[in-house]
N, C-alpha and C. Protein backbone atom coordinates (compact mmCIF):
# COMPACT_ATOMS: atom_id res chain seq x y z
N GLN A 1 -18.95 -19.33 6.05
CA GLN A 1 -17.58 -19.24 6.49
C GLN A 1 -16.72 -18.79 5.32
N MET A 2 -15.70 -18.04 5.64
CA MET A 2 -14.80 -17.53 4.62
C MET A 2 -13.38 -17.61 5.13
N GLN A 3 -12.46 -17.98 4.28
CA GLN A 3 -11.05 -18.03 4.62
C GLN A 3 -10.25 -17.38 3.50
N GLY A 4 -9.06 -16.93 3.84
CA GLY A 4 -8.20 -16.33 2.82
C GLY A 4 -6.74 -16.55 3.17
N ARG A 5 -5.92 -16.46 2.16
CA ARG A 5 -4.48 -16.63 2.35
C ARG A 5 -3.79 -15.60 1.47
N LEU A 6 -2.67 -15.07 1.94
CA LEU A 6 -1.91 -14.12 1.15
C LEU A 6 -1.16 -14.86 0.04
N LEU A 7 -1.20 -14.32 -1.15
CA LEU A 7 -0.45 -14.86 -2.28
C LEU A 7 0.55 -13.82 -2.72
N PHE A 8 1.79 -14.23 -2.84
CA PHE A 8 2.86 -13.31 -3.20
C PHE A 8 3.34 -13.62 -4.61
N ARG A 9 3.54 -12.57 -5.39
CA ARG A 9 4.00 -12.76 -6.77
C ARG A 9 5.50 -12.94 -6.87
N ASN A 10 6.24 -12.46 -5.85
CA ASN A 10 7.70 -12.54 -5.93
C ASN A 10 8.30 -12.34 -4.54
N ASP A 11 9.63 -12.44 -4.46
CA ASP A 11 10.33 -12.30 -3.18
C ASP A 11 10.22 -10.88 -2.62
N ASP A 12 10.11 -9.89 -3.48
CA ASP A 12 9.95 -8.51 -3.00
C ASP A 12 8.67 -8.38 -2.17
N GLU A 13 7.59 -8.99 -2.64
CA GLU A 13 6.33 -8.93 -1.89
C GLU A 13 6.43 -9.70 -0.57
N ARG A 14 7.14 -10.82 -0.57
CA ARG A 14 7.35 -11.56 0.69
C ARG A 14 8.14 -10.71 1.68
N GLY A 15 9.18 -10.04 1.18
CA GLY A 15 9.98 -9.16 2.03
C GLY A 15 9.16 -8.01 2.59
N ARG A 16 8.30 -7.46 1.77
CA ARG A 16 7.43 -6.36 2.23
C ARG A 16 6.51 -6.84 3.34
N ALA A 17 5.97 -8.04 3.18
CA ALA A 17 5.10 -8.60 4.22
C ALA A 17 5.86 -8.74 5.53
N HIS A 18 7.09 -9.24 5.47
CA HIS A 18 7.91 -9.37 6.69
C HIS A 18 8.14 -8.01 7.33
N ARG A 19 8.45 -7.01 6.51
CA ARG A 19 8.69 -5.66 7.05
C ARG A 19 7.45 -5.07 7.70
N LEU A 20 6.27 -5.49 7.25
CA LEU A 20 5.02 -5.02 7.83
C LEU A 20 4.61 -5.83 9.06
N GLY A 21 5.44 -6.82 9.44
CA GLY A 21 5.17 -7.58 10.65
C GLY A 21 4.46 -8.90 10.44
N ILE A 22 4.29 -9.33 9.22
CA ILE A 22 3.65 -10.62 8.95
C ILE A 22 4.73 -11.69 8.98
N THR A 23 4.63 -12.59 9.94
CA THR A 23 5.68 -13.61 10.10
C THR A 23 5.29 -14.96 9.52
N ASP A 24 4.01 -15.30 9.53
CA ASP A 24 3.55 -16.58 8.98
C ASP A 24 2.96 -16.33 7.60
N LEU A 25 3.78 -16.54 6.58
CA LEU A 25 3.36 -16.23 5.21
C LEU A 25 2.38 -17.25 4.65
N ASP A 26 2.20 -18.39 5.32
CA ASP A 26 1.29 -19.43 4.86
C ASP A 26 0.00 -19.49 5.68
N ARG A 27 -0.20 -18.54 6.56
CA ARG A 27 -1.36 -18.57 7.46
C ARG A 27 -2.67 -18.52 6.69
N LYS A 28 -3.64 -19.30 7.17
CA LYS A 28 -5.01 -19.22 6.67
C LYS A 28 -5.76 -18.25 7.57
N TYR A 29 -6.27 -17.18 7.00
CA TYR A 29 -7.01 -16.18 7.76
C TYR A 29 -8.49 -16.54 7.74
N LYS A 30 -9.12 -16.45 8.91
CA LYS A 30 -10.56 -16.70 9.01
C LYS A 30 -11.29 -15.36 8.91
N LEU A 31 -12.60 -15.42 8.81
CA LEU A 31 -13.41 -14.22 8.61
C LEU A 31 -13.11 -13.15 9.65
N HIS A 32 -13.03 -13.52 10.93
CA HIS A 32 -12.78 -12.54 11.99
C HIS A 32 -11.39 -11.90 11.84
N ASP A 33 -10.42 -12.65 11.30
CA ASP A 33 -9.09 -12.08 11.06
C ASP A 33 -9.13 -11.05 9.94
N LEU A 34 -9.97 -11.29 8.95
CA LEU A 34 -10.04 -10.42 7.78
C LEU A 34 -10.84 -9.15 8.03
N ALA A 35 -11.91 -9.28 8.82
CA ALA A 35 -12.79 -8.13 9.07
C ALA A 35 -13.44 -8.29 10.43
N SER A 36 -13.08 -7.43 11.37
CA SER A 36 -13.68 -7.49 12.71
C SER A 36 -14.09 -6.08 13.13
N GLY A 37 -14.94 -6.01 14.13
CA GLY A 37 -15.40 -4.71 14.60
C GLY A 37 -16.58 -4.21 13.78
N ASP A 38 -16.71 -2.91 13.68
CA ASP A 38 -17.81 -2.29 12.93
C ASP A 38 -17.40 -2.21 11.46
N VAL A 39 -17.80 -3.21 10.70
CA VAL A 39 -17.39 -3.32 9.31
C VAL A 39 -18.55 -2.95 8.39
N MET A 40 -18.23 -2.22 7.33
CA MET A 40 -19.22 -1.93 6.29
C MET A 40 -18.71 -2.55 5.00
N PHE A 41 -19.63 -3.08 4.21
CA PHE A 41 -19.31 -3.71 2.94
C PHE A 41 -20.28 -3.18 1.90
N ALA A 42 -19.77 -2.86 0.73
CA ALA A 42 -20.62 -2.40 -0.37
C ALA A 42 -20.15 -3.04 -1.66
N ALA A 43 -21.10 -3.40 -2.51
CA ALA A 43 -20.77 -3.98 -3.81
C ALA A 43 -21.84 -3.57 -4.81
N THR A 44 -21.42 -3.38 -6.05
CA THR A 44 -22.33 -3.10 -7.15
C THR A 44 -22.10 -4.14 -8.23
N GLY A 45 -23.18 -4.71 -8.74
CA GLY A 45 -23.06 -5.71 -9.79
C GLY A 45 -22.56 -5.11 -11.09
N VAL A 46 -21.64 -5.79 -11.71
CA VAL A 46 -21.15 -5.39 -13.03
C VAL A 46 -21.80 -6.28 -14.08
N THR A 47 -21.76 -7.59 -13.82
CA THR A 47 -22.47 -8.56 -14.65
C THR A 47 -23.48 -9.27 -13.75
N ASN A 48 -24.47 -9.91 -14.32
CA ASN A 48 -25.48 -10.61 -13.52
C ASN A 48 -24.84 -11.73 -12.71
N GLY A 49 -25.28 -11.83 -11.45
CA GLY A 49 -24.81 -12.88 -10.58
C GLY A 49 -25.93 -13.35 -9.68
N THR A 50 -25.61 -14.23 -8.73
CA THR A 50 -26.62 -14.76 -7.83
C THR A 50 -27.06 -13.73 -6.79
N MET A 51 -26.21 -12.76 -6.50
CA MET A 51 -26.52 -11.78 -5.45
C MET A 51 -27.00 -10.44 -6.01
N LEU A 52 -26.43 -10.03 -7.13
CA LEU A 52 -26.73 -8.72 -7.70
C LEU A 52 -26.91 -8.81 -9.21
N ARG A 53 -27.76 -7.95 -9.72
CA ARG A 53 -27.90 -7.83 -11.17
C ARG A 53 -26.78 -6.95 -11.72
N GLY A 54 -26.43 -7.18 -12.94
CA GLY A 54 -25.39 -6.38 -13.58
C GLY A 54 -25.93 -5.05 -14.08
N VAL A 55 -25.03 -4.23 -14.58
CA VAL A 55 -25.39 -2.92 -15.14
C VAL A 55 -26.29 -3.13 -16.34
N ARG A 56 -27.35 -2.36 -16.40
CA ARG A 56 -28.27 -2.40 -17.54
C ARG A 56 -28.28 -1.03 -18.19
N ARG A 57 -27.94 -1.00 -19.47
CA ARG A 57 -27.90 0.28 -20.19
C ARG A 57 -29.23 0.55 -20.87
N PHE A 58 -29.56 1.81 -20.96
CA PHE A 58 -30.73 2.25 -21.70
C PHE A 58 -30.33 3.55 -22.40
N PRO A 59 -31.09 4.01 -23.39
CA PRO A 59 -30.71 5.24 -24.09
C PRO A 59 -30.53 6.40 -23.10
N GLY A 60 -29.32 6.94 -23.05
CA GLY A 60 -29.04 8.09 -22.20
C GLY A 60 -28.63 7.75 -20.78
N GLY A 61 -28.47 6.46 -20.45
CA GLY A 61 -28.08 6.15 -19.08
C GLY A 61 -27.94 4.67 -18.80
N ALA A 62 -28.01 4.35 -17.51
CA ALA A 62 -27.87 2.96 -17.07
C ALA A 62 -28.51 2.81 -15.70
N SER A 63 -28.79 1.56 -15.34
CA SER A 63 -29.26 1.29 -13.98
C SER A 63 -28.30 0.30 -13.34
N THR A 64 -28.11 0.45 -12.02
CA THR A 64 -27.21 -0.43 -11.28
C THR A 64 -27.93 -0.99 -10.06
N HIS A 65 -27.43 -2.11 -9.58
CA HIS A 65 -27.99 -2.80 -8.42
C HIS A 65 -26.85 -3.02 -7.43
N SER A 66 -27.00 -2.51 -6.21
CA SER A 66 -25.94 -2.56 -5.21
C SER A 66 -26.47 -3.10 -3.89
N VAL A 67 -25.54 -3.53 -3.03
CA VAL A 67 -25.87 -3.94 -1.68
C VAL A 67 -24.89 -3.25 -0.73
N VAL A 68 -25.39 -2.81 0.42
CA VAL A 68 -24.57 -2.21 1.47
C VAL A 68 -24.92 -2.92 2.77
N MET A 69 -23.90 -3.41 3.48
CA MET A 69 -24.12 -4.14 4.74
C MET A 69 -23.30 -3.51 5.85
N ARG A 70 -23.86 -3.53 7.06
CA ARG A 70 -23.14 -3.04 8.24
C ARG A 70 -23.22 -4.10 9.32
N SER A 71 -22.05 -4.52 9.81
CA SER A 71 -22.02 -5.61 10.79
C SER A 71 -22.59 -5.19 12.14
N LYS A 72 -22.33 -3.97 12.58
CA LYS A 72 -22.75 -3.54 13.92
C LYS A 72 -24.27 -3.60 14.09
N SER A 73 -25.00 -3.13 13.09
CA SER A 73 -26.47 -3.09 13.19
C SER A 73 -27.14 -4.28 12.50
N GLY A 74 -26.38 -5.02 11.69
CA GLY A 74 -26.96 -6.12 10.93
C GLY A 74 -27.80 -5.65 9.76
N THR A 75 -27.67 -4.39 9.42
CA THR A 75 -28.46 -3.81 8.33
C THR A 75 -27.94 -4.26 6.97
N VAL A 76 -28.86 -4.63 6.11
CA VAL A 76 -28.55 -4.95 4.71
C VAL A 76 -29.45 -4.09 3.84
N ARG A 77 -28.86 -3.27 2.99
CA ARG A 77 -29.63 -2.39 2.11
C ARG A 77 -29.33 -2.74 0.66
N TYR A 78 -30.38 -2.83 -0.13
CA TYR A 78 -30.23 -2.99 -1.57
C TYR A 78 -30.59 -1.65 -2.21
N VAL A 79 -29.78 -1.23 -3.16
CA VAL A 79 -29.98 0.05 -3.81
C VAL A 79 -30.10 -0.18 -5.32
N GLU A 80 -31.20 0.28 -5.88
CA GLU A 80 -31.35 0.29 -7.34
C GLU A 80 -31.24 1.74 -7.77
N ALA A 81 -30.24 2.02 -8.57
CA ALA A 81 -29.99 3.41 -8.98
C ALA A 81 -30.15 3.56 -10.48
N ARG A 82 -30.70 4.69 -10.86
CA ARG A 82 -30.86 5.03 -12.28
C ARG A 82 -29.93 6.21 -12.55
N HIS A 83 -29.03 6.06 -13.50
CA HIS A 83 -28.02 7.06 -13.81
C HIS A 83 -28.34 7.72 -15.14
N ASP A 84 -28.52 9.04 -15.12
CA ASP A 84 -28.84 9.81 -16.32
C ASP A 84 -27.55 10.41 -16.87
N PHE A 85 -26.97 9.76 -17.87
CA PHE A 85 -25.69 10.21 -18.42
C PHE A 85 -25.79 11.56 -19.12
N THR A 86 -26.96 11.95 -19.54
CA THR A 86 -27.09 13.25 -20.22
C THR A 86 -26.87 14.40 -19.25
N ARG A 87 -26.95 14.16 -17.96
CA ARG A 87 -26.74 15.21 -16.94
C ARG A 87 -25.34 15.16 -16.35
N LYS A 88 -24.55 14.18 -16.74
CA LYS A 88 -23.20 14.04 -16.19
C LYS A 88 -22.20 14.23 -17.31
N GLN A 89 -21.48 15.32 -17.28
CA GLN A 89 -20.57 15.68 -18.36
C GLN A 89 -19.55 14.58 -18.65
N SER A 90 -19.00 13.95 -17.62
CA SER A 90 -17.96 12.94 -17.84
C SER A 90 -18.50 11.69 -18.52
N PHE A 91 -19.82 11.48 -18.50
CA PHE A 91 -20.41 10.31 -19.13
C PHE A 91 -21.08 10.64 -20.46
N ALA A 92 -20.99 11.89 -20.89
CA ALA A 92 -21.67 12.32 -22.12
C ALA A 92 -21.40 11.41 -23.32
N PRO A 93 -20.15 10.91 -23.52
CA PRO A 93 -19.92 10.03 -24.68
C PRO A 93 -20.73 8.73 -24.61
N PHE A 94 -21.16 8.32 -23.42
CA PHE A 94 -21.90 7.07 -23.26
C PHE A 94 -23.41 7.28 -23.35
N ALA A 95 -23.85 8.51 -23.49
CA ALA A 95 -25.28 8.84 -23.42
C ALA A 95 -26.05 8.40 -24.67
N ARG A 96 -25.36 7.95 -25.69
CA ARG A 96 -26.04 7.54 -26.93
C ARG A 96 -26.99 6.41 -26.71
């Protein structure tokens, strides 16, 4: 089970919520309120955790561990990717 509540940093954000039609600023949202229908979720580990491994660097690149889920089909995919920074110009400074 998952719940969430909106947190506002100031009165401007509260006013914006009202203008967008949110009337109960203290409401607790349940999972179905937050995400319903055909939902897709994707995450990539940055640091090691219970669900995903973090980024691992090696000379010239890195490896990542990701998960992709789709509610409609119930599919859960884990992706292990190897990134070769020597082939990607924007990552060239990290290829050392």
